Protein backbone atom coordinates (compact mmCIF):
# COMPACT_ATOMS: atom_id res chain seq x y z
CA UNK A 1 0.00 0.00 0.00
CA UNK A 2 1.18 3.49 -0.72
CA UNK A 3 -0.01 6.62 1.01
CA UNK A 4 0.86 10.30 0.88
CA UNK A 5 2.71 11.32 4.02
CA UNK A 6 2.83 15.00 4.97
CA UNK A 7 5.51 16.33 7.31
CA UNK A 8 5.69 19.77 8.88
CA UNK A 9 8.59 21.27 10.80
CA UNK A 10 7.54 22.65 14.19
CA UNK A 11 9.63 24.07 17.05
CA UNK A 12 9.58 20.68 18.85
CA UNK A 13 10.65 18.72 15.76
CA UNK A 14 8.21 17.40 13.14
CA UNK A 15 4.60 16.37 12.88
CA UNK A 16 3.38 13.93 10.25
CA UNK A 17 0.09 12.61 8.96
CA UNK A 18 -1.34 10.59 6.09
CA UNK A 19 -3.69 12.42 3.73
CA UNK A 20 -5.79 9.35 2.94
CA UNK A 21 -6.00 7.86 6.42
CA UNK A 22 -7.63 10.01 9.11
CA UNK A 23 -6.21 9.18 12.52
CA UNK A 24 -2.76 8.22 11.23
CA UNK A 25 -0.69 11.06 12.63
CA UNK A 26 2.38 11.39 14.81
CA UNK A 27 5.30 13.53 15.85
CA UNK A 28 9.02 13.16 16.43
CA UNK A 29 12.18 15.08 17.21
CA UNK A 30 13.72 14.31 13.80
CA UNK A 31 12.28 13.69 10.37
CA UNK A 32 13.58 10.11 10.45
CA UNK A 33 11.93 9.46 13.82
CA UNK A 34 8.68 10.97 12.58
CA UNK A 35 8.74 8.77 9.47
CA UNK A 36 9.23 5.65 11.59
CA UNK A 37 6.49 6.74 13.99
CA UNK A 38 4.14 7.38 11.06
CA UNK A 39 4.69 3.89 9.68
CA UNK A 40 3.68 2.51 13.07
CA UNK A 41 0.68 4.86 13.24
CA UNK A 42 -0.48 3.61 9.83
CA UNK A 43 -0.22 -0.02 10.93
CA UNK A 44 -2.08 0.67 14.19
CA UNK A 45 -4.81 2.70 12.48
CA UNK A 46 -5.42 0.03 9.84
CA UNK A 47 -5.50 -2.72 12.50
CA UNK A 48 -7.94 -0.74 14.65
CA UNK A 49 -10.19 0.01 11.66
CA UNK A 50 -10.19 -3.65 10.67
CA UNK A 51 -11.04 -4.77 14.22
CA UNK A 52 -13.94 -2.31 14.41
CA UNK A 53 -15.25 -3.44 11.02
CA UNK A 54 -15.01 -7.10 12.03
CA UNK A 55 -17.04 -6.36 15.17
CA UNK A 56 -19.68 -4.61 13.08
CA UNK A 57 -20.03 -7.41 10.52
CA UNK A 58 -19.81 -10.28 13.02
CA UNK A 59 -23.52 -10.04 13.75
CA UNK A 60 -24.61 -9.66 10.13
CA UNK A 61 -25.89 -12.46 7.92
CA UNK A 62 -24.98 -13.02 4.26
CA UNK A 63 -21.93 -10.78 4.26
CA UNK A 64 -19.55 -10.92 1.31
CA UNK A 65 -15.97 -9.98 2.17
CA UNK A 66 -13.37 -9.75 -0.58
CA UNK A 67 -10.19 -7.83 -1.45
CA UNK A 68 -10.49 -4.78 -3.66
CA UNK A 69 -7.81 -2.73 -5.38
CA UNK A 70 -7.93 0.79 -6.71
CA UNK A 71 -5.38 2.68 -8.77
CA UNK A 72 -5.21 6.42 -8.44
C-alpha atoms as a PDB file:
ATOM      1  CA  UNK A   1       0.000   0.000   0.000  1.00  0.00           C
ATOM      2  CA  UNK A   2       1.183   3.487  -0.722  1.00  0.00           C
ATOM      3  CA  UNK A   3      -0.013   6.623   1.010  1.00  0.00           C
ATOM      4  CA  UNK A   4       0.862  10.301   0.881  1.00  0.00           C
ATOM      5  CA  UNK A   5       2.714  11.317   4.024  1.00  0.00           C
ATOM      6  CA  UNK A   6       2.833  14.997   4.966  1.00  0.00           C
ATOM      7  CA  UNK A   7       5.512  16.330   7.312  1.00  0.00           C
ATOM      8  CA  UNK A   8       5.692  19.770   8.881  1.00  0.00           C
ATOM      9  CA  UNK A   9       8.593  21.271  10.798  1.00  0.00           C
ATOM     10  CA  UNK A  10       7.539  22.655  14.193  1.00  0.00           C
ATOM     11  CA  UNK A  11       9.628  24.070  17.051  1.00  0.00           C
ATOM     12  CA  UNK A  12       9.580  20.682  18.852  1.00  0.00           C
ATOM     13  CA  UNK A  13      10.648  18.716  15.756  1.00  0.00           C
ATOM     14  CA  UNK A  14       8.213  17.399  13.136  1.00  0.00           C
ATOM     15  CA  UNK A  15       4.596  16.368  12.876  1.00  0.00           C
ATOM     16  CA  UNK A  16       3.384  13.930  10.254  1.00  0.00           C
ATOM     17  CA  UNK A  17       0.091  12.609   8.956  1.00  0.00           C
ATOM     18  CA  UNK A  18      -1.339  10.593   6.094  1.00  0.00           C
ATOM     19  CA  UNK A  19      -3.689  12.422   3.731  1.00  0.00           C
ATOM     20  CA  UNK A  20      -5.791   9.346   2.940  1.00  0.00           C
ATOM     21  CA  UNK A  21      -5.998   7.860   6.418  1.00  0.00           C
ATOM     22  CA  UNK A  22      -7.628  10.005   9.111  1.00  0.00           C
ATOM     23  CA  UNK A  23      -6.212   9.177  12.516  1.00  0.00           C
ATOM     24  CA  UNK A  24      -2.761   8.215  11.226  1.00  0.00           C
ATOM     25  CA  UNK A  25      -0.689  11.056  12.629  1.00  0.00           C
ATOM     26  CA  UNK A  26       2.380  11.387  14.807  1.00  0.00           C
ATOM     27  CA  UNK A  27       5.298  13.527  15.851  1.00  0.00           C
ATOM     28  CA  UNK A  28       9.022  13.157  16.428  1.00  0.00           C
ATOM     29  CA  UNK A  29      12.178  15.084  17.209  1.00  0.00           C
ATOM     30  CA  UNK A  30      13.721  14.309  13.802  1.00  0.00           C
ATOM     31  CA  UNK A  31      12.276  13.690  10.369  1.00  0.00           C
ATOM     32  CA  UNK A  32      13.583  10.110  10.447  1.00  0.00           C
ATOM     33  CA  UNK A  33      11.935   9.459  13.824  1.00  0.00           C
ATOM     34  CA  UNK A  34       8.681  10.972  12.580  1.00  0.00           C
ATOM     35  CA  UNK A  35       8.742   8.766   9.471  1.00  0.00           C
ATOM     36  CA  UNK A  36       9.235   5.652  11.593  1.00  0.00           C
ATOM     37  CA  UNK A  37       6.494   6.741  13.986  1.00  0.00           C
ATOM     38  CA  UNK A  38       4.143   7.384  11.058  1.00  0.00           C
ATOM     39  CA  UNK A  39       4.689   3.888   9.675  1.00  0.00           C
ATOM     40  CA  UNK A  40       3.678   2.506  13.072  1.00  0.00           C
ATOM     41  CA  UNK A  41       0.680   4.864  13.242  1.00  0.00           C
ATOM     42  CA  UNK A  42      -0.483   3.611   9.832  1.00  0.00           C
ATOM     43  CA  UNK A  43      -0.220  -0.018  10.929  1.00  0.00           C
ATOM     44  CA  UNK A  44      -2.081   0.667  14.189  1.00  0.00           C
ATOM     45  CA  UNK A  45      -4.808   2.704  12.476  1.00  0.00           C
ATOM     46  CA  UNK A  46      -5.419   0.027   9.844  1.00  0.00           C
ATOM     47  CA  UNK A  47      -5.499  -2.718  12.504  1.00  0.00           C
ATOM     48  CA  UNK A  48      -7.943  -0.736  14.649  1.00  0.00           C
ATOM     49  CA  UNK A  49     -10.194   0.008  11.662  1.00  0.00           C
ATOM     50  CA  UNK A  50     -10.187  -3.647  10.668  1.00  0.00           C
ATOM     51  CA  UNK A  51     -11.042  -4.771  14.219  1.00  0.00           C
ATOM     52  CA  UNK A  52     -13.939  -2.306  14.412  1.00  0.00           C
ATOM     53  CA  UNK A  53     -15.251  -3.438  11.016  1.00  0.00           C
ATOM     54  CA  UNK A  54     -15.011  -7.096  12.030  1.00  0.00           C
ATOM     55  CA  UNK A  55     -17.036  -6.365  15.170  1.00  0.00           C
ATOM     56  CA  UNK A  56     -19.683  -4.609  13.077  1.00  0.00           C
ATOM     57  CA  UNK A  57     -20.034  -7.410  10.515  1.00  0.00           C
ATOM     58  CA  UNK A  58     -19.809 -10.282  13.018  1.00  0.00           C
ATOM     59  CA  UNK A  59     -23.522 -10.040  13.754  1.00  0.00           C
ATOM     60  CA  UNK A  60     -24.613  -9.664  10.127  1.00  0.00           C
ATOM     61  CA  UNK A  61     -25.887 -12.465   7.921  1.00  0.00           C
ATOM     62  CA  UNK A  62     -24.983 -13.022   4.262  1.00  0.00           C
ATOM     63  CA  UNK A  63     -21.926 -10.782   4.262  1.00  0.00           C
ATOM     64  CA  UNK A  64     -19.548 -10.916   1.313  1.00  0.00           C
ATOM     65  CA  UNK A  65     -15.975  -9.976   2.174  1.00  0.00           C
ATOM     66  CA  UNK A  66     -13.367  -9.746  -0.575  1.00  0.00           C
ATOM     67  CA  UNK A  67     -10.186  -7.828  -1.451  1.00  0.00           C
ATOM     68  CA  UNK A  68     -10.486  -4.782  -3.658  1.00  0.00           C
ATOM     69  CA  UNK A  69      -7.810  -2.727  -5.376  1.00  0.00           C
ATOM     70  CA  UNK A  70      -7.926   0.790  -6.710  1.00  0.00           C
ATOM     71  CA  UNK A  71      -5.380   2.677  -8.767  1.00  0.00           C
ATOM     72  CA  UNK A  72      -5.211   6.417  -8.437  1.00  0.00           C
END
